[in-house]
Amino acid sequence: MILVTLGTQDKSFVRLLKALDKEINRGIIKDKVIVQAGFTKYESPNMEIFETIPNDELEELIEKADLIITHGGVGSILTALKHNKKVIAAPRLSKYHEHTNDHQKQIVTEFSKKGYILELKDFTKFDKVLEKSGTFKPKKYKSNNEKFQQIITTYLDDVDHISWYNRNKIALLLSFLNFLIFSLLLLFDLNIFIVFFISYFFTIILSFFSKERKSLIHILVFFVIEGLLISLISKFNLNYILFKALINIICLFLYNFFNIKFLK
C-alpha cells in the first residue's frame, strides 16, 4: 500500500496527485493508494482520498504502508522516517502557487543528500523514482545531526509557509465585528466609554469561543491600549469612527507581529 500525505499546508498540491494518477493509469503503480489531501481538492477512482485522517488512524496507515509519498513538509517527512519507511518527497513550488516560497526544495534536497529519502524533482521522471524506491534502502535518521537541526529549526521558525490571511483570519473577523458593534452603538448617542466597553465585551466573548484562544490575549492587550488612547482623545472633538478604524488597523498589524514572534 502507498500512503500519500500532503499535510496541512493551506495551498493545493494537485500537481502531485495528477502525477500519481498518471502513473496508476500507466500501470506503473499497482498498489492501493490512500491520500491525506488536506486543502488539495481532487477526485479519482484510482485513489482513496481523504481531506483529513485522525492521528491514530494515520499512524496505523503509516505502519502498514510500503511507501510514503509526501510533500516537502518537515513534519510529514520526519513522521515517515521515525517509522523507518521509504519516502519519496516532492517539494511544493511557489511558481505553481503551491507555497509562498521554495523553502521545501532545500528541505527535500538535504534529506535526499543524506540518503534518508528519495527526491522527486521532475514529475516526468516519476516512474524512474518509483522504480528506484523498490531497491532503495533509506539511511536511519538521526535527530542529533546538527545541520539538520539548524535547517529544521529555521523552517519551523518561518511562518511564511502559511498565508497572511489564513494566519490572521480569526483576528480579521473579530476586528471587523468589534468595529461594527462600536459603530452601531455610537448611533444611540451613548457615552464613548460605554460604547468602548460594550464593543470589547462582545469581542472578548466571541474570541473566547473561537478556535484560536491566543487571540483573546491580544484583544485584552489591545483593550488596555485603546482604552488609554480613548481617554486621551475624549477631551478633543475627534471623529471616533475614523479613530476606531485606524486603531483596529494598527491592532491587526500588531497582532500579526506578535503572532509571528511570540505566540506561534
Protein backbone atom coordinates (compact mmCIF):
# COMPACT_ATOMS: atom_id res chain seq x y z
CA MET A 1 0.00 0.00 0.00
CA ILE A 2 1.17 3.53 -0.80
CA LEU A 3 0.27 6.36 1.57
CA VAL A 4 0.32 9.94 0.28
CA THR A 5 0.43 12.74 2.86
CA LEU A 6 0.06 16.39 1.90
CA GLY A 7 -0.01 17.80 5.41
CA THR A 8 -1.98 20.86 6.49
CA GLN A 9 -0.40 23.39 4.13
CA ASP A 10 -3.13 25.86 3.17
CA LYS A 11 -2.48 25.61 -0.57
CA SER A 12 -3.33 22.96 -3.12
CA PHE A 13 -0.80 20.39 -4.34
CA VAL A 14 -2.97 18.92 -7.08
CA ARG A 15 0.10 18.62 -9.34
CA LEU A 16 1.38 15.69 -7.28
CA LEU A 17 -1.95 13.86 -7.28
CA LYS A 18 -2.30 14.30 -11.04
CA ALA A 19 1.18 12.83 -11.50
CA LEU A 20 0.25 9.87 -9.27
CA ASP A 21 -2.96 9.32 -11.21
CA LYS A 22 -0.98 9.26 -14.44
CA GLU A 23 1.39 6.57 -13.15
CA ILE A 24 -1.55 4.47 -11.92
CA ASN A 25 -3.22 4.70 -15.32
CA ARG A 26 0.06 3.73 -16.98
CA GLY A 27 0.26 0.65 -14.79
CA ILE A 28 3.47 1.79 -13.10
CA ILE A 29 1.69 1.92 -9.73
CA LYS A 30 -0.30 -1.22 -8.98
CA ASP A 31 -0.58 -0.84 -5.20
CA LYS A 32 -3.54 0.56 -3.33
CA VAL A 33 -3.12 4.33 -2.86
CA ILE A 34 -4.54 6.22 0.12
CA VAL A 35 -4.28 10.01 0.21
CA GLN A 36 -4.45 12.50 3.08
CA ALA A 37 -5.10 15.53 0.87
CA GLY A 38 -5.60 18.43 3.28
CA PHE A 39 -6.52 21.55 1.28
CA THR A 40 -5.98 19.81 -2.07
CA LYS A 41 -9.27 19.11 -3.84
CA TYR A 42 -9.00 16.18 -6.23
CA GLU A 43 -11.18 13.26 -7.27
CA SER A 44 -10.01 9.99 -8.79
CA PRO A 45 -11.37 6.43 -8.96
CA ASN A 46 -7.78 5.24 -8.63
CA MET A 47 -7.17 6.52 -5.11
CA GLU A 48 -8.90 6.70 -1.72
CA ILE A 49 -8.74 10.40 -0.93
CA PHE A 50 -9.47 11.91 2.49
CA GLU A 51 -9.24 15.55 3.49
CA THR A 52 -8.05 14.62 6.96
CA ILE A 53 -7.28 11.37 8.74
CA PRO A 54 -7.38 11.09 12.56
CA ASN A 55 -3.90 10.80 14.06
CA ASP A 56 -4.38 7.27 15.39
CA GLU A 57 -5.64 6.04 12.01
CA LEU A 58 -2.84 7.87 10.22
CA GLU A 59 -0.28 6.15 12.45
CA GLU A 60 -1.78 2.77 11.55
CA LEU A 61 -1.68 3.58 7.84
CA ILE A 62 1.95 4.68 8.09
CA GLU A 63 2.81 1.37 9.76
CA LYS A 64 1.05 -0.59 7.01
CA ALA A 65 2.43 1.44 4.11
CA ASP A 66 5.20 0.05 1.94
CA LEU A 67 5.97 3.52 0.60
CA ILE A 68 5.20 7.08 1.75
CA ILE A 69 4.86 9.78 -0.88
CA THR A 70 4.72 13.25 0.60
CA HIS A 71 5.35 16.95 0.08
CA GLY A 72 8.41 18.70 1.48
CA GLY A 73 6.93 19.41 4.88
CA VAL A 74 9.35 18.69 7.70
CA GLY A 75 6.69 17.14 9.91
CA SER A 76 5.45 14.80 7.18
CA ILE A 77 8.96 13.63 6.30
CA LEU A 78 10.10 13.13 9.89
CA THR A 79 6.96 11.21 10.82
CA ALA A 80 7.59 8.74 8.00
CA LEU A 81 11.30 8.43 8.85
CA LYS A 82 10.56 7.75 12.52
CA HIS A 83 8.54 4.76 11.32
CA ASN A 84 11.53 3.65 9.21
CA LYS A 85 9.58 3.98 5.96
CA LYS A 86 10.74 4.53 2.41
CA VAL A 87 9.89 8.09 1.45
CA ILE A 88 9.52 9.92 -1.85
CA ALA A 89 9.21 13.66 -1.26
CA ALA A 90 8.18 16.27 -3.82
CA PRO A 91 8.68 19.89 -2.76
CA ARG A 92 5.89 22.38 -3.27
CA LEU A 93 6.94 25.19 -5.60
CA SER A 94 5.94 28.83 -5.42
CA LYS A 95 5.72 29.18 -9.22
CA TYR A 96 2.76 26.79 -9.17
CA HIS A 97 1.23 28.64 -6.19
CA GLU A 98 1.74 25.55 -4.01
CA HIS A 99 3.72 27.53 -1.46
CA THR A 100 4.67 31.11 -0.65
CA ASN A 101 8.35 30.31 -1.20
CA ASP A 102 10.65 27.45 -2.28
CA HIS A 103 11.93 26.53 1.16
CA GLN A 104 10.74 22.94 0.74
CA LYS A 105 13.28 22.43 -2.07
CA GLN A 106 16.10 22.94 0.43
CA ILE A 107 14.49 20.63 2.96
CA VAL A 108 13.91 17.78 0.49
CA THR A 109 17.36 18.15 -1.10
CA GLU A 110 19.14 17.98 2.25
CA PHE A 111 17.23 14.89 3.35
CA SER A 112 17.90 13.29 -0.02
CA LYS A 113 21.63 14.07 0.02
CA LYS A 114 21.95 12.33 3.37
CA GLY A 115 20.27 9.22 1.97
CA TYR A 116 17.15 9.43 4.12
CA ILE A 117 14.62 9.85 1.30
CA LEU A 118 14.21 9.94 -2.47
CA GLU A 119 13.65 13.36 -4.03
CA LEU A 120 11.10 13.87 -6.79
CA LYS A 121 12.22 17.00 -8.65
CA ASP A 122 10.98 16.22 -12.16
CA PHE A 123 7.47 14.80 -12.37
CA THR A 124 8.17 13.48 -15.88
CA LYS A 125 10.62 11.08 -14.24
CA PHE A 126 8.21 9.92 -11.56
CA ASP A 127 8.34 6.35 -12.90
CA LYS A 128 12.14 6.28 -12.52
CA VAL A 129 11.93 7.40 -8.90
CA LEU A 130 9.21 4.84 -8.19
CA GLU A 131 11.37 2.12 -9.72
CA LYS A 132 14.33 3.22 -7.63
CA SER A 133 12.22 3.09 -4.46
CA GLY A 134 11.89 -0.68 -4.92
CA THR A 135 15.56 -1.24 -4.05
CA PHE A 136 16.12 1.91 -2.03
CA LYS A 137 17.43 1.35 1.49
CA PRO A 138 16.99 4.57 3.47
CA LYS A 139 19.62 5.61 5.94
CA LYS A 140 18.30 5.59 9.51
CA TYR A 141 17.51 9.14 10.53
CA LYS A 142 19.44 10.57 13.49
CA SER A 143 17.84 13.63 15.04
CA ASN A 144 21.11 14.83 16.60
CA ASN A 145 22.57 15.82 13.22
CA GLU A 146 23.48 19.49 13.82
CA LYS A 147 23.00 20.65 10.24
CA PHE A 148 19.58 19.07 10.07
CA GLN A 149 18.60 20.56 13.41
CA GLN A 150 19.55 24.01 12.08
CA ILE A 151 17.61 23.57 8.82
CA ILE A 152 14.53 22.21 10.58
CA THR A 153 14.58 24.94 13.23
CA THR A 154 14.88 27.60 10.54
CA TYR A 155 11.93 26.12 8.67
CA LEU A 156 9.73 25.79 11.72
CA ASP A 157 10.53 29.38 12.73
CA ASP A 158 9.50 30.61 9.28
CA VAL A 159 5.71 31.15 9.36
CA ASP A 160 5.63 32.41 5.77
CA HIS A 161 4.53 28.94 4.67
CA ILE A 162 1.07 29.97 5.89
CA SER A 163 -0.60 32.83 4.03
CA TRP A 164 -1.19 36.11 5.87
CA TYR A 165 -4.95 35.71 5.53
CA ASN A 166 -5.07 32.16 6.92
CA ARG A 167 -2.76 33.10 9.77
CA ASN A 168 -4.91 36.09 10.76
CA LYS A 169 -8.44 35.31 9.57
CA ILE A 170 -9.82 34.97 13.12
CA ALA A 171 -8.28 38.31 14.08
CA LEU A 172 -9.68 39.92 10.92
CA LEU A 173 -13.18 38.68 11.70
CA LEU A 174 -13.01 39.75 15.34
CA SER A 175 -11.65 43.17 14.40
CA PHE A 176 -14.46 43.70 11.88
CA LEU A 177 -17.12 42.67 14.41
CA ASN A 178 -15.54 44.90 17.05
CA PHE A 179 -15.62 47.87 14.67
CA LEU A 180 -19.18 47.10 13.56
CA ILE A 181 -20.51 46.88 17.12
CA PHE A 182 -18.66 50.07 18.08
CA SER A 183 -20.10 51.97 15.07
CA LEU A 184 -23.66 50.78 15.69
CA LEU A 185 -23.56 51.71 19.37
CA LEU A 186 -22.44 55.25 18.52
CA LEU A 187 -25.79 55.73 16.76
CA PHE A 188 -27.50 55.60 20.17
CA ASP A 189 -25.59 58.65 21.43
CA LEU A 190 -24.05 56.69 24.30
CA ASN A 191 -21.03 57.76 26.28
CA ILE A 192 -17.87 56.85 24.35
CA PHE A 193 -16.54 54.75 27.23
CA ILE A 194 -19.76 52.73 27.43
CA VAL A 195 -19.57 52.13 23.67
CA PHE A 196 -15.93 51.13 24.02
CA PHE A 197 -16.55 48.66 26.87
CA ILE A 198 -19.60 47.03 25.27
CA SER A 199 -17.88 46.54 21.89
CA TYR A 200 -14.88 44.91 23.53
CA PHE A 201 -17.05 42.84 25.87
CA PHE A 202 -18.73 41.14 22.90
CA THR A 203 -15.40 40.78 21.06
CA ILE A 204 -13.81 39.07 24.05
CA ILE A 205 -16.76 36.70 24.35
CA LEU A 206 -16.52 35.83 20.64
CA SER A 207 -12.75 35.37 20.94
CA PHE A 208 -13.19 33.00 23.88
CA PHE A 209 -15.33 30.69 21.74
CA SER A 210 -13.06 30.91 18.68
CA LYS A 211 -10.60 28.13 17.83
CA GLU A 212 -7.62 30.43 18.37
CA ARG A 213 -7.73 31.17 22.07
CA LYS A 214 -4.45 33.10 21.81
CA SER A 215 -6.35 35.91 20.03
CA LEU A 216 -8.05 36.53 23.39
CA ILE A 217 -4.67 37.50 24.86
CA HIS A 218 -4.09 40.05 22.10
CA ILE A 219 -7.60 41.50 22.44
CA LEU A 220 -7.11 42.03 26.19
CA VAL A 221 -3.81 43.83 25.47
CA PHE A 222 -5.40 46.00 22.78
CA PHE A 223 -8.34 46.69 25.12
CA VAL A 224 -5.94 48.37 27.53
CA ILE A 225 -4.07 50.25 24.78
CA GLU A 226 -7.21 51.53 23.07
CA GLY A 227 -8.80 52.43 26.41
CA LEU A 228 -5.84 54.65 27.23
CA LEU A 229 -5.96 56.29 23.79
CA ILE A 230 -9.70 56.96 24.05
CA SER A 231 -9.10 58.54 27.46
CA LEU A 232 -6.61 60.91 25.85
CA ILE A 233 -8.70 61.91 22.80
CA SER A 234 -12.06 62.09 24.59
CA LYS A 235 -11.16 65.65 25.53
CA PHE A 236 -10.97 66.61 21.86
CA ASN A 237 -13.68 66.86 19.24
CA LEU A 238 -12.48 63.99 17.02
CA ASN A 239 -14.28 61.58 14.71
CA TYR A 240 -14.49 58.37 16.74
CA ILE A 241 -15.32 56.22 13.69
CA LEU A 242 -12.13 57.23 11.89
CA PHE A 243 -10.16 56.88 15.09
CA LYS A 244 -11.60 53.42 15.71
CA ALA A 245 -10.84 52.28 12.14
CA LEU A 246 -7.24 53.47 12.48
CA ILE A 247 -6.79 51.75 15.85
CA ASN A 248 -8.19 48.45 14.54
CA ILE A 249 -5.80 48.50 11.58
CA ILE A 250 -2.86 49.18 13.89
CA CYS A 251 -4.00 46.39 16.20
CA LEU A 252 -4.17 43.94 13.29
CA PHE A 253 -0.58 44.70 12.36
CA LEU A 254 0.46 44.29 16.00
CA TYR A 255 -1.49 41.02 16.20
CA ASN A 256 0.32 39.71 13.13
CA PHE A 257 3.68 40.74 14.60
CA PHE A 258 3.01 39.10 17.97
CA ASN A 259 1.57 36.03 16.24
CA ILE A 260 4.85 35.55 14.36
CA LYS A 261 7.35 36.49 17.06
CA PHE A 262 5.89 35.31 20.33
CA LEU A 263 2.81 33.12 20.12
CA LYS A 264 3.45 30.62 17.32
